[in-house]
Amino acid sequence: MFLRRLGGVLSSNSPLYNFAIESKKLTIGVPREVYPNESRVAITPDTIKRVIKQNGSAFVVESGAGNLASISDQDYVAAGARIGSAQDAFQADVVLKVRPPS
């Protein structure tokens, strides 16, 4: 389970400080960066492989998200992610971005 730190001491026994989302049901979205000259991407295929192996979470990566970082959509698919639209990535439970959405 993922625990969310809201401040103070984190206690896994306190319902105030955790939200019960089983990691295997968690979807993580990775939209493309739209800021001018931004070539970074929020997550690499290697990291996606490790998270899937450890937690079993699902990933939705926007088509072309890694192009400027020389990471193809096929690299993400080989790592276990699903390629989708920007809307698919932003509708995930958790969204990973380098810069805030504009």
PDB file of N, CA and C in Angstrom:
ATOM      1  N   MET A   1       0.833  -1.189   0.000  1.00  0.00           N
ATOM      2  CA  MET A   1       0.000   0.000   0.000  1.00  0.00           C
ATOM      3  C   MET A   1       0.871   1.242   0.000  1.00  0.00           C
ATOM      4  N   PHE A   2       0.388   2.270  -0.636  1.00  0.00           N
ATOM      5  CA  PHE A   2       1.076   3.543  -0.619  1.00  0.00           C
ATOM      6  C   PHE A   2       0.555   4.349   0.569  1.00  0.00           C
ATOM      7  N   LEU A   3       1.450   5.021   1.257  1.00  0.00           N
ATOM      8  CA  LEU A   3       1.072   5.873   2.376  1.00  0.00           C
ATOM      9  C   LEU A   3       1.332   7.311   1.995  1.00  0.00           C
ATOM     10  N   ARG A   4       0.463   8.182   2.390  1.00  0.00           N
ATOM     11  CA  ARG A   4       0.604   9.592   2.069  1.00  0.00           C
ATOM     12  C   ARG A   4       0.955  10.362   3.328  1.00  0.00           C
ATOM     13  N   ARG A   5       2.007  11.117   3.277  1.00  0.00           N
ATOM     14  CA  ARG A   5       2.436  11.901   4.433  1.00  0.00           C
ATOM     15  C   ARG A   5       1.741  13.251   4.387  1.00  0.00           C
ATOM     16  N   LEU A   6       0.921  13.512   5.370  1.00  0.00           N
ATOM     17  CA  LEU A   6       0.182  14.763   5.434  1.00  0.00           C
ATOM     18  C   LEU A   6       0.790  15.734   6.427  1.00  0.00           C
ATOM     19  N   GLY A   7       1.856  15.354   7.069  1.00  0.00           N
ATOM     20  CA  GLY A   7       2.501  16.200   8.067  1.00  0.00           C
ATOM     21  C   GLY A   7       2.662  15.433   9.363  1.00  0.00           C
ATOM     22  N   GLY A   8       3.648  15.814  10.128  1.00  0.00           N
ATOM     23  CA  GLY A   8       3.869  15.138  11.402  1.00  0.00           C
ATOM     24  C   GLY A   8       4.417  13.749  11.206  1.00  0.00           C
ATOM     25  N   VAL A   9       4.176  12.917  12.165  1.00  0.00           N
ATOM     26  CA  VAL A   9       4.686  11.550  12.132  1.00  0.00           C
ATOM     27  C   VAL A   9       3.766  10.691  11.288  1.00  0.00           C
ATOM     28  N   LEU A  10       4.353   9.919  10.415  1.00  0.00           N
ATOM     29  CA  LEU A  10       3.583   9.031   9.550  1.00  0.00           C
ATOM     30  C   LEU A  10       3.288   7.744  10.299  1.00  0.00           C
ATOM     31  N   SER A  11       2.034   7.412  10.416  1.00  0.00           N
ATOM     32  CA  SER A  11       1.639   6.196  11.115  1.00  0.00           C
ATOM     33  C   SER A  11       0.755   5.370  10.200  1.00  0.00           C
ATOM     34  N   SER A  12       1.169   4.134   9.920  1.00  0.00           N
ATOM     35  CA  SER A  12       0.370   3.280   9.047  1.00  0.00           C
ATOM     36  C   SER A  12      -0.890   2.777   9.751  1.00  0.00           C
ATOM     37  N   ASN A  13      -0.982   2.953  11.079  1.00  0.00           N
ATOM     38  CA  ASN A  13      -2.162   2.516  11.823  1.00  0.00           C
ATOM     39  C   ASN A  13      -3.251   3.579  11.854  1.00  0.00           C
ATOM     40  N   SER A  14      -2.909   4.793  11.558  1.00  0.00           N
ATOM     41  CA  SER A  14      -3.861   5.886  11.622  1.00  0.00           C
ATOM     42  C   SER A  14      -4.559   6.068  10.281  1.00  0.00           C
ATOM     43  N   PRO A  15      -5.902   5.962  10.245  1.00  0.00           N
ATOM     44  CA  PRO A  15      -6.609   6.140   8.977  1.00  0.00           C
ATOM     45  C   PRO A  15      -6.517   7.575   8.456  1.00  0.00           C
ATOM     46  N   LEU A  16      -6.143   8.515   9.310  1.00  0.00           N
ATOM     47  CA  LEU A  16      -6.015   9.907   8.898  1.00  0.00           C
ATOM     48  C   LEU A  16      -4.852  10.088   7.934  1.00  0.00           C
ATOM     49  N   TYR A  17      -3.798   9.290   8.085  1.00  0.00           N
ATOM     50  CA  TYR A  17      -2.582   9.497   7.315  1.00  0.00           C
ATOM     51  C   TYR A  17      -2.382   8.516   6.175  1.00  0.00           C
ATOM     52  N   ASN A  18      -3.326   7.683   5.882  1.00  0.00           N
ATOM     53  CA  ASN A  18      -3.119   6.821   4.728  1.00  0.00           C
ATOM     54  C   ASN A  18      -4.390   6.741   3.893  1.00  0.00           C
ATOM     55  N   PHE A  19      -4.200   6.497   2.648  1.00  0.00           N
ATOM     56  CA  PHE A  19      -5.340   6.229   1.790  1.00  0.00           C
ATOM     57  C   PHE A  19      -5.132   4.838   1.229  1.00  0.00           C
ATOM     58  N   ALA A  20      -6.161   4.066   1.265  1.00  0.00           N
ATOM     59  CA  ALA A  20      -6.046   2.645   0.956  1.00  0.00           C
ATOM     60  C   ALA A  20      -6.234   2.392  -0.530  1.00  0.00           C
ATOM     61  N   ILE A  21      -5.192   2.670  -1.280  1.00  0.00           N
ATOM     62  CA  ILE A  21      -5.191   2.311  -2.690  1.00  0.00           C
ATOM     63  C   ILE A  21      -4.176   1.194  -2.827  1.00  0.00           C
ATOM     64  N   GLU A  22      -4.647   0.049  -3.171  1.00  0.00           N
ATOM     65  CA  GLU A  22      -3.739  -1.065  -3.362  1.00  0.00           C
ATOM     66  C   GLU A  22      -2.855  -0.763  -4.564  1.00  0.00           C
ATOM     67  N   SER A  23      -1.553  -0.936  -4.414  1.00  0.00           N
ATOM     68  CA  SER A  23      -0.614  -0.537  -5.460  1.00  0.00           C
ATOM     69  C   SER A  23      -0.861  -1.249  -6.784  1.00  0.00           C
ATOM     70  N   LYS A  24      -1.415  -2.444  -6.749  1.00  0.00           N
ATOM     71  CA  LYS A  24      -1.687  -3.165  -7.992  1.00  0.00           C
ATOM     72  C   LYS A  24      -2.851  -2.555  -8.760  1.00  0.00           C
ATOM     73  N   LYS A  25      -3.656  -1.736  -8.098  1.00  0.00           N
ATOM     74  CA  LYS A  25      -4.781  -1.079  -8.759  1.00  0.00           C
ATOM     75  C   LYS A  25      -4.447   0.363  -9.127  1.00  0.00           C
ATOM     76  N   LEU A  26      -3.273   0.830  -8.757  1.00  0.00           N
ATOM     77  CA  LEU A  26      -2.870   2.205  -8.978  1.00  0.00           C
ATOM     78  C   LEU A  26      -2.420   2.391 -10.422  1.00  0.00           C
ATOM     79  N   THR A  27      -2.938   3.430 -11.068  1.00  0.00           N
ATOM     80  CA  THR A  27      -2.523   3.781 -12.421  1.00  0.00           C
ATOM     81  C   THR A  27      -1.728   5.070 -12.360  1.00  0.00           C
ATOM     82  N   ILE A  28      -0.567   5.069 -12.980  1.00  0.00           N
ATOM     83  CA  ILE A  28       0.316   6.228 -12.997  1.00  0.00           C
ATOM     84  C   ILE A  28       0.390   6.751 -14.421  1.00  0.00           C
ATOM     85  N   GLY A  29       0.084   8.026 -14.594  1.00  0.00           N
ATOM     86  CA  GLY A  29       0.090   8.651 -15.912  1.00  0.00           C
ATOM     87  C   GLY A  29       1.330   9.496 -16.120  1.00  0.00           C
ATOM     88  N   VAL A  30       1.853   9.459 -17.345  1.00  0.00           N
ATOM     89  CA  VAL A  30       3.035  10.242 -17.709  1.00  0.00           C
ATOM     90  C   VAL A  30       2.713  11.017 -18.986  1.00  0.00           C
ATOM     91  N   PRO A  31       2.256  12.274 -18.846  1.00  0.00           N
ATOM     92  CA  PRO A  31       1.982  13.072 -20.043  1.00  0.00           C
ATOM     93  C   PRO A  31       3.264  13.660 -20.635  1.00  0.00           C
ATOM     94  N   ARG A  32       3.168  14.085 -21.862  1.00  0.00           N
ATOM     95  CA  ARG A  32       4.290  14.724 -22.554  1.00  0.00           C
ATOM     96  C   ARG A  32       4.507  16.105 -21.964  1.00  0.00           C
ATOM     97  N   GLU A  33       5.763  16.516 -21.876  1.00  0.00           N
ATOM     98  CA  GLU A  33       6.080  17.863 -21.401  1.00  0.00           C
ATOM     99  C   GLU A  33       5.843  18.849 -22.543  1.00  0.00           C
ATOM    100  N   VAL A  34       5.164  19.949 -22.248  1.00  0.00           N
ATOM    101  CA  VAL A  34       4.817  20.919 -23.298  1.00  0.00           C
ATOM    102  C   VAL A  34       5.559  22.238 -23.153  1.00  0.00           C
ATOM    103  N   TYR A  35       6.340  22.398 -22.096  1.00  0.00           N
ATOM    104  CA  TYR A  35       7.106  23.625 -21.901  1.00  0.00           C
ATOM    105  C   TYR A  35       8.151  23.726 -23.012  1.00  0.00           C
ATOM    106  N   PRO A  36       8.352  24.912 -23.606  1.00  0.00           N
ATOM    107  CA  PRO A  36       9.316  25.057 -24.706  1.00  0.00           C
ATOM    108  C   PRO A  36      10.725  24.611 -24.297  1.00  0.00           C
ATOM    109  N   ASN A  37      11.370  23.870 -25.168  1.00  0.00           N
ATOM    110  CA  ASN A  37      12.744  23.369 -25.001  1.00  0.00           C
ATOM    111  C   ASN A  37      12.915  22.411 -23.820  1.00  0.00           C
ATOM    112  N   GLU A  38      11.850  21.846 -23.310  1.00  0.00           N
ATOM    113  CA  GLU A  38      11.934  20.863 -22.214  1.00  0.00           C
ATOM    114  C   GLU A  38      12.147  19.485 -22.840  1.00  0.00           C
ATOM    115  N   SER A  39      13.316  18.910 -22.616  1.00  0.00           N
ATOM    116  CA  SER A  39      13.626  17.611 -23.209  1.00  0.00           C
ATOM    117  C   SER A  39      13.566  16.468 -22.200  1.00  0.00           C
ATOM    118  N   ARG A  40      13.300  16.775 -20.938  1.00  0.00           N
ATOM    119  CA  ARG A  40      13.233  15.718 -19.924  1.00  0.00           C
ATOM    120  C   ARG A  40      11.861  15.039 -19.949  1.00  0.00           C
ATOM    121  N   VAL A  41      11.837  13.853 -19.402  1.00  0.00           N
ATOM    122  CA  VAL A  41      10.592  13.115 -19.221  1.00  0.00           C
ATOM    123  C   VAL A  41      10.559  12.659 -17.764  1.00  0.00           C
ATOM    124  N   ALA A  42       9.372  12.547 -17.194  1.00  0.00           N
ATOM    125  CA  ALA A  42       9.234  12.298 -15.755  1.00  0.00           C
ATOM    126  C   ALA A  42       9.717  10.924 -15.306  1.00  0.00           C
ATOM    127  N   ILE A  43       9.721   9.937 -16.188  1.00  0.00           N
ATOM    128  CA  ILE A  43      10.128   8.578 -15.793  1.00  0.00           C
ATOM    129  C   ILE A  43      10.694   7.850 -17.001  1.00  0.00           C
ATOM    130  N   THR A  44      11.658   6.990 -16.749  1.00  0.00           N
ATOM    131  CA  THR A  44      12.282   6.223 -17.824  1.00  0.00           C
ATOM    132  C   THR A  44      11.713   4.807 -17.860  1.00  0.00           C
ATOM    133  N   PRO A  45      11.895   4.126 -18.978  1.00  0.00           N
ATOM    134  CA  PRO A  45      11.417   2.738 -19.049  1.00  0.00           C
ATOM    135  C   PRO A  45      12.035   1.822 -17.990  1.00  0.00           C
ATOM    136  N   ASP A  46      13.297   2.027 -17.658  1.00  0.00           N
ATOM    137  CA  ASP A  46      13.926   1.193 -16.623  1.00  0.00           C
ATOM    138  C   ASP A  46      13.230   1.357 -15.278  1.00  0.00           C
ATOM    139  N   THR A  47      12.879   2.575 -14.937  1.00  0.00           N
ATOM    140  CA  THR A  47      12.182   2.829 -13.672  1.00  0.00           C
ATOM    141  C   THR A  47      10.784   2.227 -13.705  1.00  0.00           C
ATOM    142  N   ILE A  48      10.125   2.322 -14.845  1.00  0.00           N
ATOM    143  CA  ILE A  48       8.800   1.702 -14.980  1.00  0.00           C
ATOM    144  C   ILE A  48       8.892   0.200 -14.737  1.00  0.00           C
ATOM    145  N   LYS A  49       9.904  -0.444 -15.310  1.00  0.00           N
ATOM    146  CA  LYS A  49      10.088  -1.894 -15.087  1.00  0.00           C
ATOM    147  C   LYS A  49      10.228  -2.212 -13.605  1.00  0.00           C
ATOM    148  N   ARG A  50      11.053  -1.414 -12.904  1.00  0.00           N
ATOM    149  CA  ARG A  50      11.269  -1.671 -11.477  1.00  0.00           C
ATOM    150  C   ARG A  50      10.001  -1.470 -10.657  1.00  0.00           C
ATOM    151  N   VAL A  51       9.236  -0.422 -10.955  1.00  0.00           N
ATOM    152  CA  VAL A  51       7.998  -0.165 -10.200  1.00  0.00           C
ATOM    153  C   VAL A  51       6.974  -1.260 -10.468  1.00  0.00           C
ATOM    154  N   ILE A  52       6.858  -1.674 -11.713  1.00  0.00           N
ATOM    155  CA  ILE A  52       5.911  -2.748 -12.038  1.00  0.00           C
ATOM    156  C   ILE A  52       6.318  -4.034 -11.334  1.00  0.00           C
ATOM    157  N   LYS A  53       7.608  -4.336 -11.323  1.00  0.00           N
ATOM    158  CA  LYS A  53       8.083  -5.557 -10.665  1.00  0.00           C
ATOM    159  C   LYS A  53       7.843  -5.508  -9.159  1.00  0.00           C
ATOM    160  N   GLN A  54       8.085  -4.349  -8.548  1.00  0.00           N
ATOM    161  CA  GLN A  54       7.967  -4.228  -7.097  1.00  0.00           C
ATOM    162  C   GLN A  54       6.524  -4.038  -6.644  1.00  0.00           C
ATOM    163  N   ASN A  55       5.755  -3.194  -7.332  1.00  0.00           N
ATOM    164  CA  ASN A  55       4.415  -2.833  -6.868  1.00  0.00           C
ATOM    165  C   ASN A  55       3.284  -3.335  -7.749  1.00  0.00           C
ATOM    166  N   GLY A  56       3.558  -3.628  -8.999  1.00  0.00           N
ATOM    167  CA  GLY A  56       2.514  -4.083  -9.893  1.00  0.00           C
ATOM    168  C   GLY A  56       1.608  -2.979 -10.402  1.00  0.00           C
ATOM    169  N   SER A  57       2.014  -1.726 -10.256  1.00  0.00           N
ATOM    170  CA  SER A  57       1.214  -0.598 -10.726  1.00  0.00           C
ATOM    171  C   SER A  57       1.154  -0.591 -12.247  1.00  0.00           C
ATOM    172  N   ALA A  58       0.135   0.058 -12.793  1.00  0.00           N
ATOM    173  CA  ALA A  58      -0.018   0.203 -14.246  1.00  0.00           C
ATOM    174  C   ALA A  58       0.415   1.603 -14.656  1.00  0.00           C
ATOM    175  N   PHE A  59       0.998   1.718 -15.848  1.00  0.00           N
ATOM    176  CA  PHE A  59       1.456   3.002 -16.358  1.00  0.00           C
ATOM    177  C   PHE A  59       0.777   3.313 -17.675  1.00  0.00           C
ATOM    178  N   VAL A  60       0.384   4.586 -17.826  1.00  0.00           N
ATOM    179  CA  VAL A  60      -0.129   5.105 -19.092  1.00  0.00           C
ATOM    180  C   VAL A  60       0.786   6.255 -19.483  1.00  0.00           C
ATOM    181  N   VAL A  61       1.466   6.115 -20.610  1.00  0.00           N
ATOM    182  CA  VAL A  61       2.399   7.128 -21.092  1.00  0.00           C
ATOM    183  C   VAL A  61       1.814   7.741 -22.350  1.00  0.00           C
ATOM    184  N   GLU A  62       1.770   9.080 -22.382  1.00  0.00           N
ATOM    185  CA  GLU A  62       1.259   9.759 -23.574  1.00  0.00           C
ATOM    186  C   GLU A  62       2.181   9.467 -24.750  1.00  0.00           C
ATOM    187  N   SER A  63       1.596   9.247 -25.900  1.00  0.00           N
ATOM    188  CA  SER A  63       2.364   8.989 -27.107  1.00  0.00           C
ATOM    189  C   SER A  63       3.322  10.151 -27.373  1.00  0.00           C
ATOM    190  N   GLY A  64       4.587   9.841 -27.559  1.00  0.00           N
ATOM    191  CA  GLY A  64       5.592  10.852 -27.837  1.00  0.00           C
ATOM    192  C   GLY A  64       6.176  11.522 -26.611  1.00  0.00           C
ATOM    193  N   ALA A  65       5.828  11.067 -25.421  1.00  0.00           N
ATOM    194  CA  ALA A  65       6.302  11.716 -24.194  1.00  0.00           C
ATOM    195  C   ALA A  65       7.818  11.697 -24.072  1.00  0.00           C
ATOM    196  N   GLY A  66       8.470  10.674 -24.558  1.00  0.00           N
ATOM    197  CA  GLY A  66       9.914  10.562 -24.413  1.00  0.00           C
ATOM    198  C   GLY A  66      10.715  10.912 -25.653  1.00  0.00           C
ATOM    199  N   ASN A  67      10.057  11.393 -26.691  1.00  0.00           N
ATOM    200  CA  ASN A  67      10.760  11.654 -27.955  1.00  0.00           C
ATOM    201  C   ASN A  67      11.955  12.590 -27.806  1.00  0.00           C
ATOM    202  N   LEU A  68      11.793  13.704 -27.101  1.00  0.00           N
ATOM    203  CA  LEU A  68      12.888  14.659 -26.957  1.00  0.00           C
ATOM    204  C   LEU A  68      13.995  14.142 -26.044  1.00  0.00           C
ATOM    205  N   ALA A  69      13.720  13.106 -25.275  1.00  0.00           N
ATOM    206  CA  ALA A  69      14.724  12.481 -24.423  1.00  0.00           C
ATOM    207  C   ALA A  69      15.286  11.217 -25.076  1.00  0.00           C
ATOM    208  N   SER A  70      14.997  11.042 -26.365  1.00  0.00           N
ATOM    209  CA  SER A  70      15.456   9.878 -27.141  1.00  0.00           C
ATOM    210  C   SER A  70      14.923   8.563 -26.590  1.00  0.00           C
ATOM    211  N   ILE A  71      13.682   8.583 -26.105  1.00  0.00           N
ATOM    212  CA  ILE A  71      13.016   7.373 -25.620  1.00  0.00           C
ATOM    213  C   ILE A  71      11.765   7.185 -26.465  1.00  0.00           C
ATOM    214  N   SER A  72      11.689   6.064 -27.149  1.00  0.00           N
ATOM    215  CA  SER A  72      10.555   5.823 -28.045  1.00  0.00           C
ATOM    216  C   SER A  72       9.365   5.230 -27.292  1.00  0.00           C
ATOM    217  N   ASP A  73       8.217   5.299 -27.930  1.00  0.00           N
ATOM    218  CA  ASP A  73       7.022   4.678 -27.362  1.00  0.00           C
ATOM    219  C   ASP A  73       7.233   3.178 -27.197  1.00  0.00           C
ATOM    220  N   GLN A  74       7.962   2.564 -28.127  1.00  0.00           N
ATOM    221  CA  GLN A  74       8.217   1.121 -28.054  1.00  0.00           C
ATOM    222  C   GLN A  74       9.052   0.758 -26.825  1.00  0.00           C
ATOM    223  N   ASP A  75       9.955   1.660 -26.412  1.00  0.00           N
ATOM    224  CA  ASP A  75      10.728   1.423 -25.188  1.00  0.00           C
ATOM    225  C   ASP A  75       9.806   1.354 -23.977  1.00  0.00           C
ATOM    226  N   TYR A  76       8.811   2.245 -23.932  1.00  0.00           N
ATOM    227  CA  TYR A  76       7.852   2.240 -22.826  1.00  0.00           C
ATOM    228  C   TYR A  76       6.966   0.997 -22.869  1.00  0.00           C
ATOM    229  N   VAL A  77       6.547   0.598 -24.060  1.00  0.00           N
ATOM    230  CA  VAL A  77       5.719  -0.604 -24.195  1.00  0.00           C
ATOM    231  C   VAL A  77       6.515  -1.835 -23.750  1.00  0.00           C
ATOM    232  N   ALA A  78       7.793  -1.906 -24.145  1.00  0.00           N
ATOM    233  CA  ALA A  78       8.640  -3.037 -23.742  1.00  0.00           C
ATOM    234  C   ALA A  78       8.828  -3.081 -22.225  1.00  0.00           C
ATOM    235  N   ALA A  79       8.758  -1.920 -21.577  1.00  0.00           N
ATOM    236  CA  ALA A  79       8.901  -1.863 -20.115  1.00  0.00           C
ATOM    237  C   ALA A  79       7.613  -2.253 -19.396  1.00  0.00           C
ATOM    238  N   GLY A  80       6.496  -2.318 -20.127  1.00  0.00           N
ATOM    239  CA  GLY A  80       5.228  -2.718 -19.521  1.00  0.00           C
ATOM    240  C   GLY A  80       4.192  -1.625 -19.434  1.00  0.00           C
ATOM    241  N   ALA A  81       4.486  -0.443 -19.986  1.00  0.00           N
ATOM    242  CA  ALA A  81       3.524   0.662 -19.963  1.00  0.00           C
ATOM    243  C   ALA A  81       2.581   0.571 -21.157  1.00  0.00           C
ATOM    244  N   ARG A  82       1.463   1.256 -21.025  1.00  0.00           N
ATOM    245  CA  ARG A  82       0.499   1.369 -22.119  1.00  0.00           C
ATOM    246  C   ARG A  82       0.637   2.774 -22.695  1.00  0.00           C
ATOM    247  N   ILE A  83       0.593   2.894 -24.007  1.00  0.00           N
ATOM    248  CA  ILE A  83       0.658   4.198 -24.660  1.00  0.00           C
ATOM    249  C   ILE A  83      -0.766   4.694 -24.854  1.00  0.00           C
ATOM    250  N   GLY A  84      -1.001   5.959 -24.493  1.00  0.00           N
ATOM    251  CA  GLY A  84      -2.334   6.540 -24.608  1.00  0.00           C
ATOM    252  C   GLY A  84      -2.259   8.011 -24.981  1.00  0.00           C
ATOM    253  N   SER A  85      -3.365   8.676 -24.824  1.00  0.00           N
ATOM    254  CA  SER A  85      -3.449  10.101 -25.128  1.00  0.00           C
ATOM    255  C   SER A  85      -3.114  10.918 -23.887  1.00  0.00           C
ATOM    256  N   ALA A  86      -3.046  12.233 -24.072  1.00  0.00           N
ATOM    257  CA  ALA A  86      -2.809  13.122 -22.925  1.00  0.00           C
ATOM    258  C   ALA A  86      -3.941  12.986 -21.916  1.00  0.00           C
ATOM    259  N   GLN A  87      -5.162  12.853 -22.418  1.00  0.00           N
ATOM    260  CA  GLN A  87      -6.319  12.704 -21.538  1.00  0.00           C
ATOM    261  C   GLN A  87      -6.198  11.424 -20.709  1.00  0.00           C
ATOM    262  N   ASP A  88      -5.760  10.343 -21.322  1.00  0.00           N
ATOM    263  CA  ASP A  88      -5.564   9.082 -20.586  1.00  0.00           C
ATOM    264  C   ASP A  88      -4.543   9.258 -19.465  1.00  0.00           C
ATOM    265  N   ALA A  89      -3.436   9.939 -19.772  1.00  0.00           N
ATOM    266  CA  ALA A  89      -2.375  10.139 -18.778  1.00  0.00           C
ATOM    267  C   ALA A  89      -2.853  11.021 -17.625  1.00  0.00           C
ATOM    268  N   PHE A  90      -3.606  12.077 -17.932  1.00  0.00           N
ATOM    269  CA  PHE A  90      -4.068  12.983 -16.879  1.00  0.00           C
ATOM    270  C   PHE A  90      -5.213  12.402 -16.053  1.00  0.00           C
ATOM    271  N   GLN A  91      -5.890  11.381 -16.536  1.00  0.00           N
ATOM    272  CA  GLN A  91      -6.974  10.759 -15.783  1.00  0.00           C
ATOM    273  C   GLN A  91      -6.487   9.647 -14.865  1.00  0.00           C
ATOM    274  N   ALA A  92      -5.182   9.407 -14.820  1.00  0.00           N
ATOM    275  CA  ALA A  92      -4.618   8.363 -13.955  1.00  0.00           C
ATOM    276  C   ALA A  92      -4.736   8.777 -12.491  1.00  0.00           C
ATOM    277  N   ASP A  93      -4.547   7.814 -11.599  1.00  0.00           N
ATOM    278  CA  ASP A  93      -4.595   8.086 -10.159  1.00  0.00           C
ATOM    279  C   ASP A  93      -3.479   9.030  -9.726  1.00  0.00           C
ATOM    280  N   VAL A  94      -2.296   8.852 -10.318  1.00  0.00           N
ATOM    281  CA  VAL A  94      -1.130   9.686 -10.028  1.00  0.00           C
ATOM    282  C   VAL A  94      -0.567  10.146 -11.363  1.00  0.00           C
ATOM    283  N   VAL A  95      -0.193  11.425 -11.449  1.00  0.00           N
ATOM    284  CA  VAL A  95       0.388  11.966 -12.686  1.00  0.00           C
ATOM    285  C   VAL A  95       1.813  12.417 -12.388  1.00  0.00           C
ATOM    286  N   LEU A  96       2.754  11.952 -13.216  1.00  0.00           N
ATOM    287  CA  LEU A  96       4.156  12.335 -13.065  1.00  0.00           C
ATOM    288  C   LEU A  96       4.520  13.332 -14.160  1.00  0.00           C
ATOM    289  N   LYS A  97       5.039  14.488 -13.768  1.00  0.00           N
ATOM    290  CA  LYS A  97       5.482  15.507 -14.713  1.00  0.00           C
ATOM    291  C   LYS A  97       6.756  16.154 -14.192  1.00  0.00           C
ATOM    292  N   VAL A  98       7.559  16.686 -15.114  1.00  0.00           N
ATOM    293  CA  VAL A  98       8.753  17.424 -14.741  1.00  0.00           C
ATOM    294  C   VAL A  98       8.346  18.836 -14.317  1.00  0.00           C
ATOM    295  N   ARG A  99       7.492  19.470 -15.103  1.00  0.00           N
ATOM    296  CA  ARG A  99       7.010  20.825 -14.821  1.00  0.00           C
ATOM    297  C   ARG A  99       5.499  20.775 -14.580  1.00  0.00           C
ATOM    298  N   PRO A 100       4.968  21.725 -13.819  1.00  0.00           N
ATOM    299  CA  PRO A 100       3.524  21.737 -13.579  1.00  0.00           C
ATOM    300  C   PRO A 100       2.736  21.861 -14.874  1.00  0.00           C
ATOM    301  N   PRO A 101       1.547  21.299 -14.934  1.00  0.00           N
ATOM    302  CA  PRO A 101       0.735  21.421 -16.147  1.00  0.00           C
ATOM    303  C   PRO A 101       0.378  22.883 -16.416  1.00  0.00           C
ATOM    304  N   SER A 102       0.313  23.213 -17.693  1.00  0.00           N
ATOM    305  CA  SER A 102      -0.042  24.593 -18.042  1.00  0.00           C
ATOM    306  C   SER A 102      -1.448  24.686 -18.572  1.00  0.00           C
TER     307      SER A 102
END
